[in-house]
């Protein structure tokens, strides 16, 4: 599934296409917004109307992603390889732990 690359190599490749400071900030905010939205959506099965908050947060998170890429001047990596959807989460995790 990793295409012969280590997790660190995937993150390094992701990071190379996310150099603009505005793009990095947008991803630092947008990725967790999307992750929280997914959690809220699951919670919506148990608590009425959580799905509304999930949908709004999900859209806001993706807006951050695409605004960041507008500043970067490059399309999102997942346009080329769907696995980058998951690499973005790994990059964010490494970033908040000071490793990216």
N, C-alpha and C. Protein backbone atom coordinates (compact mmCIF):
# COMPACT_ATOMS: atom_id res chain seq x y z
N UNK A 1 0.81 -1.20 0.00
CA UNK A 1 0.00 0.00 0.00
C UNK A 1 0.86 1.27 0.00
N UNK A 2 2.04 1.18 0.56
CA UNK A 2 2.89 2.36 0.64
C UNK A 2 3.75 2.56 -0.60
N UNK A 3 3.61 1.68 -1.59
CA UNK A 3 4.33 1.87 -2.85
C UNK A 3 5.83 1.81 -2.72
N UNK A 4 6.34 1.05 -1.77
CA UNK A 4 7.77 0.91 -1.60
C UNK A 4 8.44 2.07 -0.87
N UNK A 5 7.65 3.02 -0.41
CA UNK A 5 8.20 4.16 0.33
C UNK A 5 7.92 4.00 1.82
N UNK A 6 8.82 4.52 2.64
CA UNK A 6 8.57 4.53 4.08
C UNK A 6 7.61 5.67 4.41
N UNK A 7 7.08 5.62 5.59
CA UNK A 7 6.19 6.69 6.04
C UNK A 7 6.91 8.04 6.01
N UNK A 8 8.17 8.04 6.41
CA UNK A 8 8.94 9.28 6.43
C UNK A 8 9.16 9.82 5.01
N UNK A 9 9.34 8.92 4.05
CA UNK A 9 9.51 9.36 2.66
C UNK A 9 8.22 9.95 2.10
N UNK A 10 7.08 9.37 2.45
CA UNK A 10 5.80 9.92 2.03
C UNK A 10 5.62 11.32 2.61
N UNK A 11 5.92 11.47 3.90
CA UNK A 11 5.77 12.78 4.55
C UNK A 11 6.71 13.80 3.93
N UNK A 12 7.94 13.40 3.64
CA UNK A 12 8.91 14.32 3.02
C UNK A 12 8.42 14.76 1.64
N UNK A 13 7.87 13.83 0.88
CA UNK A 13 7.34 14.17 -0.45
C UNK A 13 6.16 15.13 -0.32
N UNK A 14 5.29 14.87 0.64
CA UNK A 14 4.15 15.74 0.90
C UNK A 14 4.63 17.13 1.29
N UNK A 15 5.61 17.17 2.16
CA UNK A 15 6.12 18.45 2.66
C UNK A 15 6.75 19.29 1.54
N UNK A 16 7.40 18.63 0.59
CA UNK A 16 8.02 19.37 -0.53
C UNK A 16 6.99 20.12 -1.36
N UNK A 17 5.77 19.62 -1.41
CA UNK A 17 4.73 20.30 -2.20
C UNK A 17 3.88 21.22 -1.34
N UNK A 18 4.31 21.45 -0.11
CA UNK A 18 3.60 22.32 0.82
C UNK A 18 4.61 23.25 1.50
N UNK A 19 5.23 24.12 0.71
CA UNK A 19 6.28 24.99 1.22
C UNK A 19 5.82 26.40 1.57
N UNK A 20 4.80 26.89 0.90
CA UNK A 20 4.36 28.26 1.14
C UNK A 20 3.80 28.36 2.57
N UNK A 21 4.21 29.39 3.32
CA UNK A 21 3.76 29.51 4.71
C UNK A 21 2.24 29.56 4.87
N UNK A 22 1.55 30.23 3.95
CA UNK A 22 0.08 30.29 4.04
C UNK A 22 -0.52 28.90 3.82
N UNK A 23 0.04 28.17 2.88
CA UNK A 23 -0.44 26.81 2.62
C UNK A 23 -0.24 25.93 3.85
N UNK A 24 0.89 26.07 4.49
CA UNK A 24 1.17 25.25 5.68
C UNK A 24 0.20 25.59 6.81
N UNK A 25 -0.09 26.87 7.00
CA UNK A 25 -1.05 27.27 8.03
C UNK A 25 -2.44 26.76 7.69
N UNK A 26 -2.82 26.89 6.42
CA UNK A 26 -4.14 26.41 6.00
C UNK A 26 -4.28 24.91 6.23
N UNK A 27 -3.23 24.15 5.95
CA UNK A 27 -3.29 22.71 6.17
C UNK A 27 -3.25 22.37 7.66
N UNK A 28 -2.50 23.16 8.42
CA UNK A 28 -2.43 22.93 9.85
C UNK A 28 -3.81 23.13 10.51
N UNK A 29 -4.61 24.02 9.96
CA UNK A 29 -5.97 24.25 10.47
C UNK A 29 -7.00 23.35 9.78
N UNK A 30 -6.86 23.17 8.48
CA UNK A 30 -7.86 22.45 7.70
C UNK A 30 -7.89 20.96 7.96
N UNK A 31 -6.73 20.34 8.11
CA UNK A 31 -6.69 18.89 8.33
C UNK A 31 -7.40 18.50 9.62
N UNK A 32 -7.10 19.14 10.76
CA UNK A 32 -7.84 18.74 11.96
C UNK A 32 -9.33 19.07 11.88
N UNK A 33 -9.69 20.13 11.16
CA UNK A 33 -11.12 20.44 10.99
C UNK A 33 -11.82 19.29 10.28
N UNK A 34 -11.19 18.74 9.26
CA UNK A 34 -11.77 17.61 8.54
C UNK A 34 -11.86 16.39 9.44
N UNK A 35 -10.81 16.14 10.22
CA UNK A 35 -10.82 14.98 11.12
C UNK A 35 -11.90 15.09 12.19
N UNK A 36 -12.04 16.28 12.76
CA UNK A 36 -13.10 16.50 13.76
C UNK A 36 -14.47 16.34 13.11
N UNK A 37 -14.60 16.83 11.88
CA UNK A 37 -15.88 16.70 11.16
C UNK A 37 -16.25 15.24 10.97
N UNK A 38 -15.28 14.41 10.66
CA UNK A 38 -15.57 12.98 10.50
C UNK A 38 -16.04 12.39 11.83
N UNK A 39 -15.39 12.78 12.92
CA UNK A 39 -15.83 12.33 14.24
C UNK A 39 -17.23 12.80 14.58
N UNK A 40 -17.53 14.05 14.26
CA UNK A 40 -18.87 14.57 14.53
C UNK A 40 -19.93 13.87 13.68
N UNK A 41 -19.56 13.54 12.46
CA UNK A 41 -20.50 12.83 11.60
C UNK A 41 -20.86 11.48 12.20
N UNK A 42 -19.85 10.77 12.70
CA UNK A 42 -20.11 9.49 13.37
C UNK A 42 -20.98 9.73 14.60
N UNK A 43 -20.69 10.79 15.34
CA UNK A 43 -21.50 11.14 16.50
C UNK A 43 -22.93 11.49 16.13
N UNK A 44 -23.13 11.93 14.90
CA UNK A 44 -24.47 12.27 14.43
C UNK A 44 -25.41 11.08 14.39
N UNK A 45 -24.87 9.89 14.37
CA UNK A 45 -25.72 8.70 14.43
C UNK A 45 -26.33 8.54 15.82
N UNK A 46 -25.70 9.14 16.82
CA UNK A 46 -26.15 9.00 18.20
C UNK A 46 -26.78 10.28 18.75
N UNK A 47 -26.35 11.43 18.24
CA UNK A 47 -26.85 12.71 18.71
C UNK A 47 -27.44 13.48 17.53
N UNK A 48 -28.68 13.83 17.67
CA UNK A 48 -29.41 14.50 16.60
C UNK A 48 -28.73 15.81 16.21
N UNK A 49 -28.61 16.03 14.94
CA UNK A 49 -28.10 17.26 14.31
C UNK A 49 -26.59 17.44 14.37
N UNK A 50 -25.84 16.50 14.90
CA UNK A 50 -24.38 16.61 14.84
C UNK A 50 -23.90 16.64 13.40
N UNK A 51 -24.63 15.98 12.51
CA UNK A 51 -24.21 15.90 11.12
C UNK A 51 -24.17 17.28 10.48
N UNK A 52 -25.00 18.21 10.97
CA UNK A 52 -24.98 19.57 10.42
C UNK A 52 -23.65 20.25 10.73
N UNK A 53 -23.22 20.14 11.97
CA UNK A 53 -21.93 20.71 12.37
C UNK A 53 -20.79 20.01 11.63
N UNK A 54 -20.94 18.71 11.47
CA UNK A 54 -19.92 17.94 10.75
C UNK A 54 -19.79 18.43 9.32
N UNK A 55 -20.91 18.62 8.65
CA UNK A 55 -20.89 19.06 7.25
C UNK A 55 -20.25 20.43 7.11
N UNK A 56 -20.63 21.35 7.99
CA UNK A 56 -20.07 22.71 7.94
C UNK A 56 -18.57 22.68 8.19
N UNK A 57 -18.15 21.96 9.20
CA UNK A 57 -16.72 21.88 9.52
C UNK A 57 -15.93 21.18 8.41
N UNK A 58 -16.53 20.16 7.82
CA UNK A 58 -15.89 19.44 6.72
C UNK A 58 -15.65 20.38 5.54
N UNK A 59 -16.66 21.15 5.18
CA UNK A 59 -16.53 22.09 4.06
C UNK A 59 -15.49 23.17 4.38
N UNK A 60 -15.53 23.69 5.58
CA UNK A 60 -14.54 24.71 5.99
C UNK A 60 -13.13 24.15 5.92
N UNK A 61 -12.95 22.92 6.38
CA UNK A 61 -11.63 22.29 6.33
C UNK A 61 -11.11 22.17 4.91
N UNK A 62 -11.99 21.77 3.98
CA UNK A 62 -11.57 21.64 2.58
C UNK A 62 -11.34 23.00 1.94
N UNK A 63 -12.09 24.00 2.35
CA UNK A 63 -11.83 25.35 1.84
C UNK A 63 -10.42 25.78 2.23
N UNK A 64 -10.04 25.53 3.48
CA UNK A 64 -8.68 25.84 3.92
C UNK A 64 -7.66 25.13 3.03
N UNK A 65 -7.90 23.86 2.72
CA UNK A 65 -6.96 23.10 1.89
C UNK A 65 -6.77 23.75 0.52
N UNK A 66 -7.87 24.08 -0.13
CA UNK A 66 -7.79 24.61 -1.49
C UNK A 66 -7.29 26.06 -1.51
N UNK A 67 -7.61 26.84 -0.49
CA UNK A 67 -7.03 28.19 -0.39
C UNK A 67 -5.51 28.10 -0.25
N UNK A 68 -5.07 27.19 0.59
CA UNK A 68 -3.63 26.98 0.74
C UNK A 68 -2.96 26.63 -0.56
N UNK A 69 -3.58 25.74 -1.32
CA UNK A 69 -2.99 25.35 -2.60
C UNK A 69 -3.04 26.46 -3.63
N UNK A 70 -3.98 27.37 -3.50
CA UNK A 70 -3.99 28.54 -4.38
C UNK A 70 -2.75 29.39 -4.12
N UNK A 71 -2.37 29.53 -2.86
CA UNK A 71 -1.15 30.28 -2.52
C UNK A 71 0.09 29.51 -2.97
N UNK A 72 0.05 28.20 -2.83
CA UNK A 72 1.19 27.36 -3.22
C UNK A 72 1.37 27.35 -4.74
N UNK A 73 0.27 27.47 -5.46
CA UNK A 73 0.34 27.44 -6.91
C UNK A 73 0.47 26.04 -7.48
N UNK A 74 0.12 25.04 -6.66
CA UNK A 74 0.19 23.64 -7.07
C UNK A 74 -1.11 22.95 -6.70
N UNK A 75 -1.51 21.97 -7.50
CA UNK A 75 -2.72 21.22 -7.12
C UNK A 75 -2.42 20.31 -5.93
N UNK A 76 -3.44 19.92 -5.21
CA UNK A 76 -3.23 18.98 -4.10
C UNK A 76 -2.60 17.68 -4.59
N UNK A 77 -1.74 17.10 -3.78
CA UNK A 77 -1.06 15.85 -4.15
C UNK A 77 -2.04 14.71 -4.38
N UNK A 78 -3.16 14.71 -3.67
CA UNK A 78 -4.08 13.59 -3.83
C UNK A 78 -4.74 13.57 -5.21
N UNK A 79 -4.61 14.65 -5.98
CA UNK A 79 -5.08 14.62 -7.37
C UNK A 79 -4.26 13.61 -8.18
N UNK A 80 -3.01 13.41 -7.76
CA UNK A 80 -2.11 12.50 -8.46
C UNK A 80 -2.10 11.11 -7.83
N UNK A 81 -2.29 11.05 -6.52
CA UNK A 81 -2.24 9.76 -5.81
C UNK A 81 -3.14 9.87 -4.58
N UNK A 82 -4.20 9.08 -4.56
CA UNK A 82 -5.20 9.15 -3.48
C UNK A 82 -4.61 8.89 -2.10
N UNK A 83 -3.47 8.22 -2.04
CA UNK A 83 -2.86 7.91 -0.73
C UNK A 83 -2.42 9.17 0.01
N UNK A 84 -2.25 10.27 -0.73
CA UNK A 84 -1.86 11.51 -0.07
C UNK A 84 -2.96 12.06 0.84
N UNK A 85 -4.19 11.60 0.68
CA UNK A 85 -5.24 11.99 1.62
C UNK A 85 -4.87 11.55 3.03
N UNK A 86 -4.24 10.40 3.14
CA UNK A 86 -3.83 9.88 4.44
C UNK A 86 -2.46 10.41 4.86
N UNK A 87 -1.62 10.69 3.88
CA UNK A 87 -0.29 11.24 4.18
C UNK A 87 -0.44 12.63 4.80
N UNK A 88 -1.44 13.38 4.35
CA UNK A 88 -1.69 14.71 4.93
C UNK A 88 -1.94 14.64 6.42
N UNK A 89 -2.67 13.63 6.84
CA UNK A 89 -2.93 13.44 8.27
C UNK A 89 -1.63 13.10 8.99
N UNK A 90 -0.81 12.25 8.40
CA UNK A 90 0.48 11.89 9.00
C UNK A 90 1.39 13.11 9.08
N UNK A 91 1.38 13.94 8.02
CA UNK A 91 2.19 15.16 8.02
C UNK A 91 1.74 16.08 9.16
N UNK A 92 0.42 16.25 9.30
CA UNK A 92 -0.10 17.11 10.35
C UNK A 92 0.33 16.59 11.72
N UNK A 93 0.23 15.28 11.91
CA UNK A 93 0.62 14.68 13.20
C UNK A 93 2.11 14.92 13.47
N UNK A 94 2.93 14.75 12.45
CA UNK A 94 4.38 14.99 12.60
C UNK A 94 4.63 16.47 12.88
N UNK A 95 3.88 17.34 12.22
CA UNK A 95 4.05 18.78 12.41
C UNK A 95 3.73 19.22 13.84
N UNK A 96 2.63 18.73 14.39
CA UNK A 96 2.28 19.17 15.74
C UNK A 96 3.21 18.57 16.79
N UNK A 97 3.96 17.53 16.39
CA UNK A 97 4.94 16.95 17.30
C UNK A 97 6.36 17.41 16.97
N UNK A 98 6.48 18.46 16.14
CA UNK A 98 7.76 19.07 15.84
C UNK A 98 8.67 18.26 14.94
N UNK A 99 8.11 17.36 14.14
CA UNK A 99 8.94 16.54 13.26
C UNK A 99 8.72 16.85 11.79
N UNK A 100 7.97 17.88 11.48
CA UNK A 100 7.77 18.24 10.07
C UNK A 100 7.78 19.75 9.93
